[in-house]
């Protein structure tokens, strides 16, 4: 029998209700207790089936990050081209290596947090050089990344993170102009892109490195970049304070 992938909440419970089916508990059960069933079977209603897919990436949207993943088997009663619907599934095992399963850096994306939650950084020569490199390439990001990063990644991760980093920057500069918000959002997109090897391979510089890596390195240091009126700013610390500003 063909096997499928099923994603659930990080604690093992289903995403749909958060308290109906616990897939992790099913992996530890035996016999009929390894089989999970939909409460009210109906192949014509989304709530009447349990969805799974042969490609774990097709489990999005409908799932969120962080999540847990399971290998399951069953007889599908519906098929929308990406997901299959089941009245019941046998939960075979929980998948531990999420990076290998998805084919991208799930661990990095799942642990993504605001740079402003890190200790306040200092702007030295290395940080300013990274900013300078970023200033030369950041506008090209909008031509490439939004078309390559899966939309559900931005929907579930990027859109949640965006206000967390843009609001402190806006308060620090007392500005929420489009250019300020655009440069901040670019950092977010660059970080998301860095989690996908197949995307990074398509966006490289002359040295074969991810073109937007400079701002990713700044992010990992606890620094966010903004720009307005040709003045660049480096922000860090809980309140997104400006730790350096200047032009190139």
Foldseek 3Di string as FASTA:
>chain_A
DDKWKDKAAAQQAHLPPRPQDRQVVLQVDDDPSQKDFQPAADLVDPSRFGKTFRQNVLNPPVDAPPIWMFIWDDDFPDDPPGITTHRMIGTHDTDDCVCVRNVWQSVCQNPDDFLQVDAFDADDPLLVVLVVLCVVCLVCCVVAQVVPQPPRSCVRRVVVCLCVQLVLVCVQVVDDDPQFSVQQSSLSSLLSQVGHPVSQQVAADPVSGRSNVSSVVCRVRSWTWGDDPQKIFIFGYNSRHTNDIDHD
